[in-house]
N, C-alpha and C. Protein backbone atom coordinates (compact mmCIF):
# COMPACT_ATOMS: atom_id res chain seq x y z
N UNK A 1 0.82 -1.20 0.00
CA UNK A 1 0.00 0.00 0.00
C UNK A 1 0.86 1.26 0.00
N UNK A 2 1.95 1.26 0.79
CA UNK A 2 2.82 2.43 0.87
C UNK A 2 3.48 2.71 -0.48
N UNK A 3 3.93 1.67 -1.17
CA UNK A 3 4.56 1.87 -2.47
C UNK A 3 3.58 2.46 -3.48
N UNK A 4 2.33 2.00 -3.43
CA UNK A 4 1.33 2.55 -4.36
C UNK A 4 1.09 4.03 -4.07
N UNK A 5 0.99 4.39 -2.80
CA UNK A 5 0.81 5.81 -2.45
C UNK A 5 2.01 6.64 -2.88
N UNK A 6 3.20 6.10 -2.70
CA UNK A 6 4.39 6.81 -3.14
C UNK A 6 4.43 6.94 -4.66
N UNK A 7 3.99 5.90 -5.37
CA UNK A 7 3.92 5.96 -6.83
C UNK A 7 2.93 7.04 -7.26
N UNK A 8 1.76 7.08 -6.62
CA UNK A 8 0.77 8.11 -6.94
C UNK A 8 1.33 9.50 -6.63
N UNK A 9 2.02 9.61 -5.52
CA UNK A 9 2.61 10.90 -5.15
C UNK A 9 3.67 11.33 -6.17
N UNK A 10 4.43 10.35 -6.69
CA UNK A 10 5.46 10.70 -7.69
C UNK A 10 4.81 11.23 -8.96
N UNK A 11 3.63 10.72 -9.31
CA UNK A 11 2.91 11.23 -10.49
C UNK A 11 2.46 12.66 -10.24
N UNK A 12 1.94 12.93 -9.06
CA UNK A 12 1.50 14.29 -8.72
C UNK A 12 2.69 15.25 -8.77
N UNK A 13 3.82 14.84 -8.19
CA UNK A 13 5.03 15.68 -8.23
C UNK A 13 5.46 15.90 -9.67
N UNK A 14 5.38 14.87 -10.49
CA UNK A 14 5.77 14.96 -11.88
C UNK A 14 4.90 15.99 -12.62
N UNK A 15 3.61 15.92 -12.39
CA UNK A 15 2.70 16.86 -13.05
C UNK A 15 2.95 18.29 -12.57
N UNK A 16 3.16 18.45 -11.28
CA UNK A 16 3.48 19.77 -10.76
C UNK A 16 4.78 20.30 -11.34
N UNK A 17 5.76 19.42 -11.50
CA UNK A 17 7.03 19.83 -12.09
C UNK A 17 6.84 20.27 -13.54
N UNK A 18 6.07 19.50 -14.31
CA UNK A 18 5.80 19.87 -15.71
C UNK A 18 5.08 21.23 -15.76
N UNK A 19 4.11 21.43 -14.89
CA UNK A 19 3.40 22.72 -14.84
C UNK A 19 4.38 23.85 -14.49
N UNK A 20 5.30 23.60 -13.57
CA UNK A 20 6.29 24.61 -13.21
C UNK A 20 7.23 24.90 -14.38
N UNK A 21 7.62 23.87 -15.12
CA UNK A 21 8.47 24.07 -16.30
C UNK A 21 7.78 24.98 -17.31
N UNK A 22 6.51 24.72 -17.56
CA UNK A 22 5.79 25.47 -18.59
C UNK A 22 5.38 26.86 -18.09
N UNK A 23 4.87 26.95 -16.88
CA UNK A 23 4.28 28.20 -16.40
C UNK A 23 5.07 28.89 -15.30
N UNK A 24 6.19 28.31 -14.90
CA UNK A 24 6.96 28.87 -13.79
C UNK A 24 7.47 30.28 -14.04
N UNK A 25 7.71 30.61 -15.29
CA UNK A 25 8.14 31.97 -15.61
C UNK A 25 7.13 33.01 -15.16
N UNK A 26 5.86 32.64 -15.17
CA UNK A 26 4.83 33.56 -14.70
C UNK A 26 4.99 33.84 -13.21
N UNK A 27 5.44 32.85 -12.45
CA UNK A 27 5.70 33.05 -11.02
C UNK A 27 6.92 33.95 -10.83
N UNK A 28 7.86 33.88 -11.77
CA UNK A 28 9.05 34.73 -11.69
C UNK A 28 8.65 36.20 -11.82
N UNK A 29 7.58 36.48 -12.56
CA UNK A 29 7.10 37.85 -12.66
C UNK A 29 6.74 38.41 -11.29
N UNK A 30 6.21 37.57 -10.43
CA UNK A 30 5.79 37.98 -9.08
C UNK A 30 6.91 37.82 -8.07
N UNK A 31 7.64 36.70 -8.15
CA UNK A 31 8.72 36.40 -7.21
C UNK A 31 10.01 36.18 -8.00
N UNK A 32 10.75 37.24 -8.28
CA UNK A 32 11.95 37.15 -9.13
C UNK A 32 12.98 36.13 -8.66
N UNK A 33 13.07 35.85 -7.38
CA UNK A 33 14.07 34.89 -6.88
C UNK A 33 13.82 33.48 -7.42
N UNK A 34 12.59 33.19 -7.87
CA UNK A 34 12.30 31.86 -8.42
C UNK A 34 13.04 31.57 -9.73
N UNK A 35 13.63 32.61 -10.31
CA UNK A 35 14.38 32.40 -11.56
C UNK A 35 15.45 31.33 -11.36
N UNK A 36 16.02 31.26 -10.15
CA UNK A 36 17.10 30.30 -9.87
C UNK A 36 16.59 28.87 -9.84
N UNK A 37 15.32 28.68 -9.62
CA UNK A 37 14.73 27.34 -9.69
C UNK A 37 14.12 27.07 -11.05
N UNK A 38 13.51 28.11 -11.62
CA UNK A 38 12.77 27.89 -12.85
C UNK A 38 13.66 27.67 -14.08
N UNK A 39 14.70 28.46 -14.23
CA UNK A 39 15.54 28.32 -15.43
C UNK A 39 16.12 26.90 -15.54
N UNK A 40 16.72 26.34 -14.48
CA UNK A 40 17.20 24.95 -14.61
C UNK A 40 16.06 23.96 -14.89
N UNK A 41 14.91 24.17 -14.27
CA UNK A 41 13.77 23.27 -14.51
C UNK A 41 13.32 23.37 -15.97
N UNK A 42 13.22 24.58 -16.49
CA UNK A 42 12.79 24.77 -17.88
C UNK A 42 13.81 24.18 -18.86
N UNK A 43 15.09 24.36 -18.57
CA UNK A 43 16.12 23.77 -19.44
C UNK A 43 16.04 22.24 -19.40
N UNK A 44 15.83 21.69 -18.22
CA UNK A 44 15.68 20.23 -18.10
C UNK A 44 14.47 19.75 -18.89
N UNK A 45 13.34 20.41 -18.71
CA UNK A 45 12.11 20.01 -19.40
C UNK A 45 12.26 20.07 -20.90
N UNK A 46 12.88 21.13 -21.40
CA UNK A 46 13.09 21.25 -22.85
C UNK A 46 14.05 20.16 -23.32
N UNK A 47 15.12 19.91 -22.57
CA UNK A 47 16.08 18.87 -22.96
C UNK A 47 15.40 17.50 -23.03
N UNK A 48 14.58 17.18 -22.04
CA UNK A 48 13.89 15.88 -22.04
C UNK A 48 13.08 15.72 -23.32
N UNK A 49 12.37 16.77 -23.71
CA UNK A 49 11.56 16.68 -24.92
C UNK A 49 12.42 16.60 -26.17
N UNK A 50 13.42 17.48 -26.28
CA UNK A 50 14.26 17.49 -27.48
C UNK A 50 15.06 16.20 -27.64
N UNK A 51 15.52 15.66 -26.52
CA UNK A 51 16.35 14.45 -26.57
C UNK A 51 15.52 13.17 -26.65
N UNK A 52 14.22 13.29 -26.43
CA UNK A 52 13.39 12.09 -26.39
C UNK A 52 13.71 11.24 -25.18
N UNK A 53 14.20 11.88 -24.14
CA UNK A 53 14.60 11.17 -22.92
C UNK A 53 13.39 10.87 -22.06
N UNK A 54 13.61 10.07 -21.05
CA UNK A 54 12.56 9.76 -20.07
C UNK A 54 13.00 10.37 -18.74
N UNK A 55 12.12 11.11 -18.14
CA UNK A 55 12.40 11.77 -16.86
C UNK A 55 12.62 10.71 -15.77
N UNK A 56 13.57 10.94 -14.88
CA UNK A 56 13.78 9.99 -13.78
C UNK A 56 12.55 9.78 -12.91
N UNK A 57 11.66 10.75 -12.85
CA UNK A 57 10.42 10.56 -12.08
C UNK A 57 9.57 9.45 -12.67
N UNK A 58 9.64 9.28 -13.97
CA UNK A 58 8.91 8.18 -14.62
C UNK A 58 9.47 6.84 -14.17
N UNK A 59 10.79 6.74 -14.18
CA UNK A 59 11.43 5.50 -13.73
C UNK A 59 11.11 5.22 -12.26
N UNK A 60 11.12 6.26 -11.45
CA UNK A 60 10.80 6.11 -10.04
C UNK A 60 9.37 5.59 -9.87
N UNK A 61 8.44 6.19 -10.59
CA UNK A 61 7.05 5.75 -10.49
C UNK A 61 6.90 4.28 -10.89
N UNK A 62 7.51 3.89 -12.00
CA UNK A 62 7.42 2.50 -12.45
C UNK A 62 8.01 1.55 -11.41
N UNK A 63 9.15 1.91 -10.84
CA UNK A 63 9.77 1.06 -9.83
C UNK A 63 8.86 0.94 -8.62
N UNK A 64 8.28 2.05 -8.16
CA UNK A 64 7.38 2.01 -7.01
C UNK A 64 6.15 1.16 -7.31
N UNK A 65 5.63 1.23 -8.51
CA UNK A 65 4.46 0.42 -8.87
C UNK A 65 4.84 -1.07 -8.86
N UNK A 66 6.01 -1.39 -9.38
CA UNK A 66 6.45 -2.79 -9.36
C UNK A 66 6.63 -3.28 -7.93
N UNK A 67 7.16 -2.43 -7.06
CA UNK A 67 7.34 -2.82 -5.66
C UNK A 67 6.00 -3.08 -4.97
N UNK A 68 4.95 -2.41 -5.44
CA UNK A 68 3.63 -2.60 -4.84
C UNK A 68 2.87 -3.76 -5.48
N UNK A 69 3.50 -4.40 -6.48
CA UNK A 69 2.85 -5.52 -7.15
C UNK A 69 1.94 -5.11 -8.29
N UNK A 70 1.96 -3.84 -8.65
CA UNK A 70 1.14 -3.35 -9.75
C UNK A 70 1.92 -3.39 -11.05
N UNK A 71 1.18 -3.31 -12.13
CA UNK A 71 1.81 -3.07 -13.43
C UNK A 71 2.26 -1.62 -13.43
N UNK A 72 3.12 -1.26 -14.35
CA UNK A 72 3.64 0.10 -14.40
C UNK A 72 2.52 1.13 -14.51
N UNK A 73 1.46 0.81 -15.21
CA UNK A 73 0.32 1.72 -15.34
C UNK A 73 -0.96 0.93 -15.10
N UNK A 74 -1.57 1.16 -13.95
CA UNK A 74 -2.84 0.49 -13.67
C UNK A 74 -3.97 1.48 -13.88
N UNK A 75 -5.17 1.13 -13.48
CA UNK A 75 -6.32 1.96 -13.82
C UNK A 75 -6.86 2.77 -12.65
N UNK A 76 -6.02 3.18 -11.73
CA UNK A 76 -6.47 4.02 -10.62
C UNK A 76 -6.73 5.44 -11.07
N UNK A 77 -7.20 6.25 -10.14
CA UNK A 77 -7.53 7.64 -10.43
C UNK A 77 -6.35 8.39 -11.04
N UNK A 78 -5.19 8.27 -10.40
CA UNK A 78 -4.00 8.98 -10.86
C UNK A 78 -3.68 8.59 -12.30
N UNK A 79 -3.65 7.29 -12.54
CA UNK A 79 -3.29 6.80 -13.88
C UNK A 79 -4.33 7.19 -14.92
N UNK A 80 -5.57 7.13 -14.54
CA UNK A 80 -6.64 7.38 -15.51
C UNK A 80 -6.76 8.85 -15.87
N UNK A 81 -6.61 9.74 -14.88
CA UNK A 81 -6.89 11.15 -15.12
C UNK A 81 -5.66 12.04 -15.21
N UNK A 82 -4.59 11.66 -14.54
CA UNK A 82 -3.41 12.52 -14.54
C UNK A 82 -2.31 12.04 -15.49
N UNK A 83 -2.16 10.73 -15.64
CA UNK A 83 -1.10 10.22 -16.51
C UNK A 83 -1.24 10.68 -17.97
N UNK A 84 -2.45 10.77 -18.52
CA UNK A 84 -2.56 11.24 -19.91
C UNK A 84 -2.02 12.65 -20.12
N UNK A 85 -1.97 13.44 -19.05
CA UNK A 85 -1.39 14.77 -19.17
C UNK A 85 0.10 14.67 -19.45
N UNK A 86 0.76 13.70 -18.79
CA UNK A 86 2.20 13.53 -18.98
C UNK A 86 2.54 12.68 -20.20
N UNK A 87 1.70 11.72 -20.50
CA UNK A 87 1.99 10.79 -21.60
C UNK A 87 0.77 10.69 -22.52
N UNK A 88 0.53 11.71 -23.34
CA UNK A 88 -0.65 11.66 -24.20
C UNK A 88 -0.53 10.54 -25.22
N UNK A 89 -1.69 10.00 -25.61
CA UNK A 89 -1.69 8.97 -26.65
C UNK A 89 -1.13 9.56 -27.92
N UNK A 90 -0.37 8.77 -28.65
CA UNK A 90 0.18 9.23 -29.91
C UNK A 90 1.36 10.17 -29.76
N UNK A 91 2.02 10.14 -28.61
CA UNK A 91 3.20 10.99 -28.42
C UNK A 91 4.30 10.53 -29.36
N UNK A 92 4.65 11.39 -30.28
CA UNK A 92 5.68 11.08 -31.27
C UNK A 92 6.90 11.97 -31.06
N UNK A 93 7.97 11.68 -31.74
CA UNK A 93 9.18 12.53 -31.67
C UNK A 93 8.85 13.93 -32.17
N UNK A 94 8.06 14.02 -33.25
CA UNK A 94 7.69 15.35 -33.75
C UNK A 94 6.90 16.13 -32.70
N UNK A 95 5.97 15.46 -32.04
CA UNK A 95 5.20 16.12 -31.00
C UNK A 95 6.09 16.52 -29.83
N UNK A 96 7.07 15.69 -29.51
CA UNK A 96 8.01 16.06 -28.45
C UNK A 96 8.78 17.32 -28.83
N UNK A 97 9.16 17.46 -30.08
CA UNK A 97 9.84 18.67 -30.54
C UNK A 97 8.93 19.88 -30.43
N UNK A 98 7.65 19.69 -30.76
CA UNK A 98 6.69 20.79 -30.63
C UNK A 98 6.56 21.19 -29.15
N UNK A 99 6.44 20.19 -28.27
CA UNK A 99 6.32 20.48 -26.84
C UNK A 99 7.57 21.17 -26.29
N UNK A 100 8.72 20.69 -26.68
CA UNK A 100 9.97 21.32 -26.25
C UNK A 100 10.08 22.75 -26.76
N UNK A 101 9.69 22.96 -27.99
CA UNK A 101 9.71 24.31 -28.56
C UNK A 101 8.72 25.22 -27.85
N UNK A 102 7.57 24.68 -27.47
CA UNK A 102 6.58 25.47 -26.74
C UNK A 102 7.13 25.90 -25.39
N UNK A 103 7.82 24.99 -24.72
CA UNK A 103 8.45 25.34 -23.43
C UNK A 103 9.42 26.49 -23.63
N UNK A 104 10.25 26.39 -24.63
CA UNK A 104 11.24 27.44 -24.89
C UNK A 104 10.54 28.74 -25.26
N UNK A 105 9.57 28.70 -26.16
CA UNK A 105 8.88 29.91 -26.61
C UNK A 105 8.15 30.62 -25.47
N UNK A 106 7.38 29.87 -24.70
CA UNK A 106 6.65 30.47 -23.58
C UNK A 106 7.63 31.15 -22.63
N UNK A 107 8.73 30.48 -22.34
CA UNK A 107 9.67 31.05 -21.39
C UNK A 107 10.47 32.20 -21.96
N UNK A 108 10.75 32.20 -23.23
CA UNK A 108 11.41 33.36 -23.85
C UNK A 108 10.50 34.58 -23.75
N UNK A 109 9.22 34.41 -24.02
CA UNK A 109 8.27 35.53 -23.92
C UNK A 109 8.21 36.04 -22.48
N UNK A 110 8.04 35.13 -21.53
CA UNK A 110 7.92 35.54 -20.13
C UNK A 110 9.20 36.22 -19.65
N UNK A 111 10.35 35.66 -19.97
CA UNK A 111 11.58 36.26 -19.51
C UNK A 111 11.89 37.56 -20.23
N UNK A 112 11.38 37.75 -21.42
CA UNK A 112 11.50 39.05 -22.09
C UNK A 112 10.74 40.10 -21.30
N UNK A 113 9.58 39.73 -20.79
CA UNK A 113 8.80 40.64 -19.94
C UNK A 113 9.56 40.93 -18.65
N UNK A 114 10.12 39.89 -18.03
CA UNK A 114 10.88 40.07 -16.78
C UNK A 114 12.04 41.03 -17.00
N UNK A 115 12.80 40.81 -18.05
CA UNK A 115 13.96 41.67 -18.34
C UNK A 115 13.49 43.09 -18.65
N UNK A 116 12.40 43.21 -19.43
CA UNK A 116 11.86 44.53 -19.75
C UNK A 116 11.46 45.30 -18.50
N UNK A 117 10.84 44.64 -17.56
CA UNK A 117 10.45 45.28 -16.30
C UNK A 117 11.67 45.74 -15.52
N UNK A 118 12.67 44.90 -15.50
CA UNK A 118 13.91 45.25 -14.76
C UNK A 118 14.58 46.47 -15.39
N UNK A 119 14.60 46.50 -16.70
CA UNK A 119 15.24 47.62 -17.39
C UNK A 119 14.46 48.92 -17.17
N UNK A 120 13.15 48.86 -17.14
CA UNK A 120 12.34 50.07 -16.90
C UNK A 120 12.53 50.59 -15.49
N UNK A 121 12.75 49.71 -14.53
CA UNK A 121 12.96 50.13 -13.15
C UNK A 121 14.28 50.88 -12.99
N UNK A 122 15.23 50.54 -13.81
CA UNK A 122 16.55 51.20 -13.73
C UNK A 122 16.48 52.44 -14.54
């Protein structure tokens, strides 16, 4: 039971991390110190997509599921409703490039605003 809960928790953390990668720049607009956390996270997220790599959180979740006696993806709430956000059906290399480019584009726009604000203050 504990391994299953930890596996579910790893999925939640994974989704929160992906959301932070994509939208974390918006938090930097409010809390500039977050830039030190967001830039490495965004670079990691873009690299994972461009390289076609698998995030270590995915491996952790699969291992935890195996330890609990489950298949890597079972039909619980987390798997049914949250996993498709991370692993959409039909995920191709081209789609991964689009997703990686979207991460970069969104963050370039947001950080352009951040830099513009800083320059206007000076």
